[in-house]
Amino acid sequence: MTRAVERDETTGARGWAKAPDVHDDPERSAAVRAATRRDRDHYLRGGMREIECRSCHACVMVKKTSAFHTSVQWNAAARARCNELERDQSSGNPLLPGAMMPTCPRLSASIDHGVAEGIIPRESPDEDPDGYW
């Protein structure tokens, strides 16, 4: 059930909370925190596989949910290794067409190779390997 939120005396803001207020129920509050952690782990790490760029050896986490959608999680070490990202950003072109974030064509080729070799599944499996579904 949603509930009205009283006006905050310090900021003057008010609105609606979409989650039930469970602060008075420690058991329920713990269950909500555990479910939130599980959701975060599933959406950020679930089904991700490590792949190494065959050109610069940057290692990123990758998941394909379909033939047309690939999630790539870069980390600081991988971004530092990839010369293509640095070159693209220094040219004043922070985004490549169709990309939410800068991307590297050499890493994309490495991901395609990983899919062809069976290292990365082509799409989301029918059964969740993380046991989330």
N, C-alpha and C. Protein backbone atom coordinates (compact mmCIF):
# COMPACT_ATOMS: atom_id res chain seq x y z
N MET A 1 0.84 -1.16 0.00
CA MET A 1 0.00 0.00 0.00
C MET A 1 0.89 1.24 0.00
N THR A 2 0.54 2.21 -0.82
CA THR A 2 1.30 3.45 -0.80
C THR A 2 0.77 4.31 0.34
N ARG A 3 1.57 5.24 0.75
CA ARG A 3 1.16 6.10 1.86
C ARG A 3 1.62 7.52 1.57
N ALA A 4 0.89 8.46 2.09
CA ALA A 4 1.29 9.85 1.95
C ALA A 4 2.48 10.10 2.86
N VAL A 5 3.39 10.90 2.39
CA VAL A 5 4.54 11.26 3.19
C VAL A 5 4.32 12.69 3.68
N GLU A 6 4.48 12.88 4.96
CA GLU A 6 4.31 14.21 5.52
C GLU A 6 5.36 15.15 4.96
N ARG A 7 5.07 16.43 4.99
CA ARG A 7 6.03 17.43 4.53
C ARG A 7 7.26 17.38 5.42
N ASP A 8 8.44 17.31 4.79
CA ASP A 8 9.71 17.31 5.52
C ASP A 8 9.96 18.73 6.02
N GLU A 9 10.10 18.89 7.32
CA GLU A 9 10.25 20.22 7.91
C GLU A 9 11.55 20.90 7.48
N THR A 10 12.60 20.12 7.18
CA THR A 10 13.88 20.73 6.81
C THR A 10 13.94 21.12 5.35
N THR A 11 13.34 20.30 4.47
CA THR A 11 13.42 20.60 3.03
C THR A 11 12.12 21.12 2.46
N GLY A 12 11.03 20.88 3.16
CA GLY A 12 9.71 21.29 2.65
C GLY A 12 9.16 20.35 1.61
N ALA A 13 9.90 19.28 1.28
CA ALA A 13 9.45 18.34 0.25
C ALA A 13 8.36 17.43 0.79
N ARG A 14 7.50 17.00 -0.08
CA ARG A 14 6.53 15.97 0.29
C ARG A 14 6.19 15.17 -0.95
N GLY A 15 5.64 14.00 -0.79
CA GLY A 15 5.32 13.16 -1.93
C GLY A 15 4.71 11.86 -1.48
N TRP A 16 4.91 10.82 -2.27
CA TRP A 16 4.35 9.51 -1.99
C TRP A 16 5.47 8.50 -1.87
N ALA A 17 5.33 7.60 -0.93
CA ALA A 17 6.26 6.49 -0.81
C ALA A 17 5.60 5.30 -1.48
N LYS A 18 6.32 4.60 -2.32
CA LYS A 18 5.74 3.46 -3.02
C LYS A 18 5.95 2.15 -2.29
N ALA A 19 6.76 2.17 -1.27
CA ALA A 19 7.00 0.95 -0.49
C ALA A 19 6.32 1.10 0.87
N PRO A 20 5.87 0.00 1.42
CA PRO A 20 5.25 0.09 2.75
C PRO A 20 6.28 0.51 3.79
N ASP A 21 5.82 1.20 4.81
CA ASP A 21 6.69 1.63 5.90
C ASP A 21 6.85 0.46 6.85
N VAL A 22 8.07 -0.08 6.94
CA VAL A 22 8.32 -1.25 7.78
C VAL A 22 9.32 -0.94 8.90
N HIS A 23 9.56 0.34 9.15
CA HIS A 23 10.59 0.69 10.14
C HIS A 23 10.25 0.21 11.55
N ASP A 24 8.98 -0.03 11.84
CA ASP A 24 8.58 -0.52 13.17
C ASP A 24 8.64 -2.04 13.29
N ASP A 25 8.94 -2.73 12.20
CA ASP A 25 8.96 -4.19 12.20
C ASP A 25 10.36 -4.67 11.79
N PRO A 26 11.25 -4.92 12.77
CA PRO A 26 12.64 -5.28 12.44
C PRO A 26 12.76 -6.53 11.57
N GLU A 27 11.90 -7.51 11.77
CA GLU A 27 11.97 -8.74 10.96
C GLU A 27 11.63 -8.44 9.50
N ARG A 28 10.57 -7.68 9.30
CA ARG A 28 10.16 -7.33 7.94
C ARG A 28 11.21 -6.42 7.29
N SER A 29 11.76 -5.49 8.08
CA SER A 29 12.78 -4.59 7.58
C SER A 29 14.02 -5.39 7.11
N ALA A 30 14.42 -6.38 7.88
CA ALA A 30 15.55 -7.23 7.50
C ALA A 30 15.24 -8.01 6.23
N ALA A 31 14.01 -8.49 6.11
CA ALA A 31 13.62 -9.23 4.90
C ALA A 31 13.65 -8.33 3.67
N VAL A 32 13.21 -7.09 3.82
CA VAL A 32 13.24 -6.13 2.70
C VAL A 32 14.68 -5.83 2.31
N ARG A 33 15.59 -5.63 3.28
CA ARG A 33 16.99 -5.39 2.97
C ARG A 33 17.61 -6.58 2.25
N ALA A 34 17.29 -7.80 2.71
CA ALA A 34 17.84 -9.00 2.06
C ALA A 34 17.34 -9.12 0.62
N ALA A 35 16.06 -8.84 0.41
CA ALA A 35 15.49 -8.91 -0.95
C ALA A 35 16.11 -7.85 -1.85
N THR A 36 16.36 -6.68 -1.29
CA THR A 36 16.99 -5.60 -2.06
C THR A 36 18.41 -5.99 -2.47
N ARG A 37 19.18 -6.58 -1.55
CA ARG A 37 20.53 -7.05 -1.88
C ARG A 37 20.48 -8.09 -2.98
N ARG A 38 19.52 -9.02 -2.88
CA ARG A 38 19.39 -10.08 -3.89
C ARG A 38 19.04 -9.48 -5.26
N ASP A 39 18.13 -8.52 -5.27
CA ASP A 39 17.78 -7.84 -6.53
C ASP A 39 19.01 -7.16 -7.13
N ARG A 40 19.75 -6.42 -6.30
CA ARG A 40 20.92 -5.70 -6.78
C ARG A 40 21.96 -6.67 -7.34
N ASP A 41 22.21 -7.74 -6.62
CA ASP A 41 23.17 -8.75 -7.10
C ASP A 41 22.72 -9.35 -8.42
N HIS A 42 21.43 -9.66 -8.53
CA HIS A 42 20.92 -10.26 -9.77
C HIS A 42 21.05 -9.30 -10.95
N TYR A 43 20.64 -8.05 -10.77
CA TYR A 43 20.65 -7.12 -11.90
C TYR A 43 22.04 -6.62 -12.24
N LEU A 44 22.94 -6.54 -11.25
CA LEU A 44 24.29 -6.05 -11.54
C LEU A 44 25.27 -7.15 -11.90
N ARG A 45 25.09 -8.35 -11.34
CA ARG A 45 26.08 -9.41 -11.57
C ARG A 45 25.50 -10.69 -12.14
N GLY A 46 24.19 -10.85 -12.09
CA GLY A 46 23.57 -12.09 -12.53
C GLY A 46 23.83 -12.41 -13.99
N GLY A 47 24.36 -13.59 -14.24
CA GLY A 47 24.59 -14.04 -15.60
C GLY A 47 25.79 -13.40 -16.28
N MET A 48 26.53 -12.55 -15.57
CA MET A 48 27.68 -11.88 -16.17
C MET A 48 28.84 -12.86 -16.28
N ARG A 49 29.58 -12.75 -17.36
CA ARG A 49 30.77 -13.56 -17.59
C ARG A 49 31.93 -12.62 -17.86
N GLU A 50 33.11 -12.99 -17.38
CA GLU A 50 34.28 -12.16 -17.65
C GLU A 50 34.81 -12.48 -19.04
N ILE A 51 35.15 -11.44 -19.77
CA ILE A 51 35.75 -11.61 -21.09
C ILE A 51 36.93 -10.66 -21.19
N GLU A 52 37.97 -11.13 -21.84
CA GLU A 52 39.19 -10.32 -22.02
C GLU A 52 39.28 -9.87 -23.46
N CYS A 53 39.53 -8.60 -23.65
CA CYS A 53 39.72 -8.08 -25.00
C CYS A 53 40.95 -8.73 -25.61
N ARG A 54 40.79 -9.24 -26.81
CA ARG A 54 41.90 -9.93 -27.48
C ARG A 54 42.96 -8.96 -27.98
N SER A 55 42.67 -7.66 -27.91
CA SER A 55 43.64 -6.67 -28.36
C SER A 55 44.43 -6.06 -27.21
N CYS A 56 43.73 -5.48 -26.23
CA CYS A 56 44.43 -4.76 -25.15
C CYS A 56 44.43 -5.54 -23.83
N HIS A 57 43.69 -6.64 -23.79
CA HIS A 57 43.62 -7.51 -22.61
C HIS A 57 42.86 -6.91 -21.44
N ALA A 58 42.04 -5.90 -21.70
CA ALA A 58 41.15 -5.37 -20.66
C ALA A 58 40.11 -6.45 -20.35
N CYS A 59 39.80 -6.63 -19.07
CA CYS A 59 38.79 -7.62 -18.67
C CYS A 59 37.54 -6.90 -18.20
N VAL A 60 36.41 -7.24 -18.80
CA VAL A 60 35.12 -6.66 -18.43
C VAL A 60 34.13 -7.78 -18.17
N MET A 61 33.02 -7.44 -17.55
CA MET A 61 31.94 -8.40 -17.33
C MET A 61 30.89 -8.17 -18.41
N VAL A 62 30.38 -9.28 -18.98
CA VAL A 62 29.47 -9.20 -20.12
C VAL A 62 28.29 -10.14 -19.92
N LYS A 63 27.13 -9.69 -20.39
CA LYS A 63 25.95 -10.55 -20.44
C LYS A 63 25.15 -10.18 -21.68
N LYS A 64 24.76 -11.17 -22.44
CA LYS A 64 23.87 -10.95 -23.58
C LYS A 64 22.48 -11.41 -23.18
N THR A 65 21.49 -10.54 -23.33
CA THR A 65 20.12 -10.94 -23.05
C THR A 65 19.37 -11.28 -24.34
N SER A 66 19.93 -10.88 -25.46
CA SER A 66 19.36 -11.25 -26.77
C SER A 66 20.45 -11.04 -27.81
N ALA A 67 20.13 -11.36 -29.05
CA ALA A 67 21.11 -11.17 -30.12
C ALA A 67 21.46 -9.70 -30.31
N PHE A 68 20.56 -8.81 -29.88
CA PHE A 68 20.76 -7.38 -30.11
C PHE A 68 21.11 -6.59 -28.85
N HIS A 69 21.11 -7.23 -27.70
CA HIS A 69 21.38 -6.49 -26.45
C HIS A 69 22.52 -7.14 -25.68
N THR A 70 23.53 -6.35 -25.41
CA THR A 70 24.68 -6.80 -24.65
C THR A 70 24.95 -5.82 -23.53
N SER A 71 25.06 -6.31 -22.30
CA SER A 71 25.43 -5.47 -21.16
C SER A 71 26.91 -5.67 -20.90
N VAL A 72 27.63 -4.56 -20.78
CA VAL A 72 29.06 -4.60 -20.49
C VAL A 72 29.33 -3.75 -19.26
N GLN A 73 29.98 -4.34 -18.28
CA GLN A 73 30.37 -3.59 -17.10
C GLN A 73 31.88 -3.36 -17.13
N TRP A 74 32.24 -2.11 -17.34
CA TRP A 74 33.64 -1.72 -17.33
C TRP A 74 34.05 -1.45 -15.89
N ASN A 75 35.31 -1.66 -15.60
CA ASN A 75 35.86 -1.24 -14.31
C ASN A 75 37.02 -0.29 -14.61
N ALA A 76 37.56 0.32 -13.56
CA ALA A 76 38.62 1.32 -13.76
C ALA A 76 39.85 0.72 -14.45
N ALA A 77 40.22 -0.50 -14.08
CA ALA A 77 41.40 -1.12 -14.68
C ALA A 77 41.19 -1.37 -16.18
N ALA A 78 40.00 -1.82 -16.54
CA ALA A 78 39.71 -2.08 -17.97
C ALA A 78 39.69 -0.78 -18.75
N ARG A 79 39.08 0.25 -18.18
CA ARG A 79 39.05 1.55 -18.88
C ARG A 79 40.47 2.09 -19.07
N ALA A 80 41.32 1.89 -18.09
CA ALA A 80 42.71 2.37 -18.20
C ALA A 80 43.49 1.61 -19.27
N ARG A 81 43.16 0.35 -19.49
CA ARG A 81 43.88 -0.47 -20.48
C ARG A 81 43.45 -0.19 -21.91
N CYS A 82 42.20 0.24 -22.08
CA CYS A 82 41.63 0.38 -23.43
C CYS A 82 42.03 1.70 -24.08
N ASN A 83 42.89 1.60 -25.08
CA ASN A 83 43.33 2.79 -25.81
C ASN A 83 42.23 3.36 -26.69
N GLU A 84 41.32 2.50 -27.12
CA GLU A 84 40.25 2.93 -28.02
C GLU A 84 39.30 3.90 -27.31
N LEU A 85 38.97 3.63 -26.07
CA LEU A 85 38.09 4.54 -25.31
C LEU A 85 38.77 5.89 -25.12
N GLU A 86 40.03 5.85 -24.75
CA GLU A 86 40.79 7.08 -24.53
C GLU A 86 40.85 7.90 -25.82
N ARG A 87 41.13 7.24 -26.93
CA ARG A 87 41.24 7.94 -28.22
C ARG A 87 39.90 8.55 -28.61
N ASP A 88 38.81 7.80 -28.40
CA ASP A 88 37.49 8.30 -28.77
C ASP A 88 37.11 9.50 -27.92
N GLN A 89 37.40 9.45 -26.62
CA GLN A 89 37.05 10.57 -25.75
C GLN A 89 37.91 11.79 -26.04
N SER A 90 39.18 11.60 -26.39
CA SER A 90 40.05 12.74 -26.68
C SER A 90 39.67 13.41 -27.99
N SER A 91 38.98 12.68 -28.88
CA SER A 91 38.56 13.27 -30.15
C SER A 91 37.29 14.08 -30.00
N GLY A 92 36.74 14.13 -28.78
CA GLY A 92 35.52 14.90 -28.56
C GLY A 92 34.25 14.14 -28.88
N ASN A 93 34.35 12.85 -29.10
CA ASN A 93 33.17 12.03 -29.40
C ASN A 93 32.94 11.05 -28.25
N PRO A 94 32.27 11.51 -27.18
CA PRO A 94 32.13 10.64 -26.02
C PRO A 94 31.21 9.45 -26.23
N LEU A 95 30.29 9.51 -27.17
CA LEU A 95 29.38 8.40 -27.42
C LEU A 95 29.44 7.97 -28.87
N LEU A 96 29.46 6.69 -29.08
CA LEU A 96 29.39 6.16 -30.44
C LEU A 96 27.93 5.90 -30.78
N PRO A 97 27.56 5.91 -32.05
CA PRO A 97 26.16 5.71 -32.42
C PRO A 97 25.59 4.42 -31.83
N GLY A 98 24.43 4.54 -31.18
CA GLY A 98 23.74 3.38 -30.64
C GLY A 98 24.27 2.92 -29.29
N ALA A 99 25.26 3.59 -28.75
CA ALA A 99 25.83 3.15 -27.48
C ALA A 99 25.40 4.09 -26.37
N MET A 100 25.07 3.49 -25.22
CA MET A 100 24.75 4.29 -24.05
C MET A 100 26.04 4.85 -23.44
N MET A 101 27.09 4.10 -23.55
CA MET A 101 28.40 4.48 -23.04
C MET A 101 29.40 4.31 -24.18
N PRO A 102 30.55 4.95 -24.06
CA PRO A 102 31.56 4.73 -25.08
C PRO A 102 31.86 3.23 -25.20
N THR A 103 32.13 2.80 -26.39
CA THR A 103 32.41 1.39 -26.60
C THR A 103 33.65 1.22 -27.45
N CYS A 104 34.19 0.05 -27.42
CA CYS A 104 35.41 -0.24 -28.16
C CYS A 104 35.09 -1.31 -29.20
N PRO A 105 35.34 -1.04 -30.47
CA PRO A 105 35.06 -2.04 -31.51
C PRO A 105 35.89 -3.31 -31.34
N ARG A 106 37.07 -3.19 -30.79
CA ARG A 106 37.91 -4.38 -30.57
C ARG A 106 37.34 -5.25 -29.45
N LEU A 107 36.82 -4.61 -28.40
CA LEU A 107 36.17 -5.38 -27.35
C LEU A 107 34.89 -6.03 -27.89
N SER A 108 34.15 -5.29 -28.70
CA SER A 108 32.93 -5.86 -29.31
C SER A 108 33.27 -7.11 -30.12
N ALA A 109 34.37 -7.06 -30.86
CA ALA A 109 34.80 -8.23 -31.64
C ALA A 109 35.18 -9.37 -30.70
N SER A 110 35.81 -9.05 -29.56
CA SER A 110 36.17 -10.08 -28.58
C SER A 110 34.93 -10.71 -27.97
N ILE A 111 33.90 -9.89 -27.74
CA ILE A 111 32.64 -10.41 -27.21
C ILE A 111 31.99 -11.33 -28.24
N ASP A 112 31.96 -10.90 -29.50
CA ASP A 112 31.40 -11.75 -30.56
C ASP A 112 32.15 -13.08 -30.64
N HIS A 113 33.47 -13.02 -30.48
CA HIS A 113 34.27 -14.23 -30.49
C HIS A 113 33.89 -15.11 -29.28
N GLY A 114 33.71 -14.49 -28.12
CA GLY A 114 33.30 -15.23 -26.92
C GLY A 114 31.96 -15.91 -27.10
N VAL A 115 31.05 -15.26 -27.79
CA VAL A 115 29.74 -15.86 -28.07
C VAL A 115 29.91 -17.04 -29.02
N ALA A 116 30.70 -16.83 -30.08
CA ALA A 116 30.93 -17.91 -31.06
C ALA A 116 31.60 -19.13 -30.42
N GLU A 117 32.47 -18.89 -29.44
CA GLU A 117 33.18 -19.99 -28.76
C GLU A 117 32.37 -20.60 -27.62
N GLY A 118 31.21 -19.99 -27.29
CA GLY A 118 30.38 -20.53 -26.22
C GLY A 118 30.76 -20.07 -24.83
N ILE A 119 31.68 -19.11 -24.74
CA ILE A 119 32.08 -18.56 -23.45
C ILE A 119 30.96 -17.70 -22.87
N ILE A 120 30.30 -16.97 -23.76
CA ILE A 120 29.18 -16.10 -23.39
C ILE A 120 27.93 -16.64 -24.06
N PRO A 121 26.86 -16.93 -23.30
CA PRO A 121 25.61 -17.38 -23.93
C PRO A 121 25.05 -16.31 -24.87
N ARG A 122 24.45 -16.76 -25.97
CA ARG A 122 23.89 -15.84 -26.97
C ARG A 122 22.75 -14.99 -26.44
N GLU A 123 22.02 -15.52 -25.47
CA GLU A 123 20.88 -14.80 -24.90
C GLU A 123 20.57 -15.36 -23.53
N SER A 124 19.68 -14.70 -22.84
CA SER A 124 19.31 -15.16 -21.51
C SER A 124 18.82 -16.60 -21.56
N PRO A 125 19.24 -17.42 -20.61
CA PRO A 125 18.80 -18.82 -20.61
C PRO A 125 17.35 -18.95 -20.17
N ASP A 126 16.75 -20.10 -20.47
CA ASP A 126 15.37 -20.36 -20.04
C ASP A 126 15.29 -20.48 -18.52
N GLU A 127 16.38 -20.96 -17.92
CA GLU A 127 16.44 -21.08 -16.46
C GLU A 127 17.54 -20.16 -15.96
N ASP A 128 17.24 -19.43 -14.89
CA ASP A 128 18.19 -18.48 -14.34
C ASP A 128 19.30 -19.21 -13.61
N PRO A 129 20.57 -19.03 -14.04
CA PRO A 129 21.67 -19.71 -13.38
C PRO A 129 21.91 -19.22 -11.95
N ASP A 130 21.39 -18.02 -11.63
CA ASP A 130 21.56 -17.46 -10.30
C ASP A 130 20.45 -17.89 -9.35
N GLY A 131 19.45 -18.61 -9.86
CA GLY A 131 18.34 -19.05 -9.02
C GLY A 131 17.41 -17.91 -8.64
N TYR A 132 17.41 -16.82 -9.39
CA TYR A 132 16.59 -15.66 -9.05
C TYR A 132 15.13 -15.83 -9.49
N TRP A 133 14.94 -16.41 -10.68
CA TRP A 133 13.55 -16.51 -11.21
C TRP A 133 12.74 -17.49 -10.43
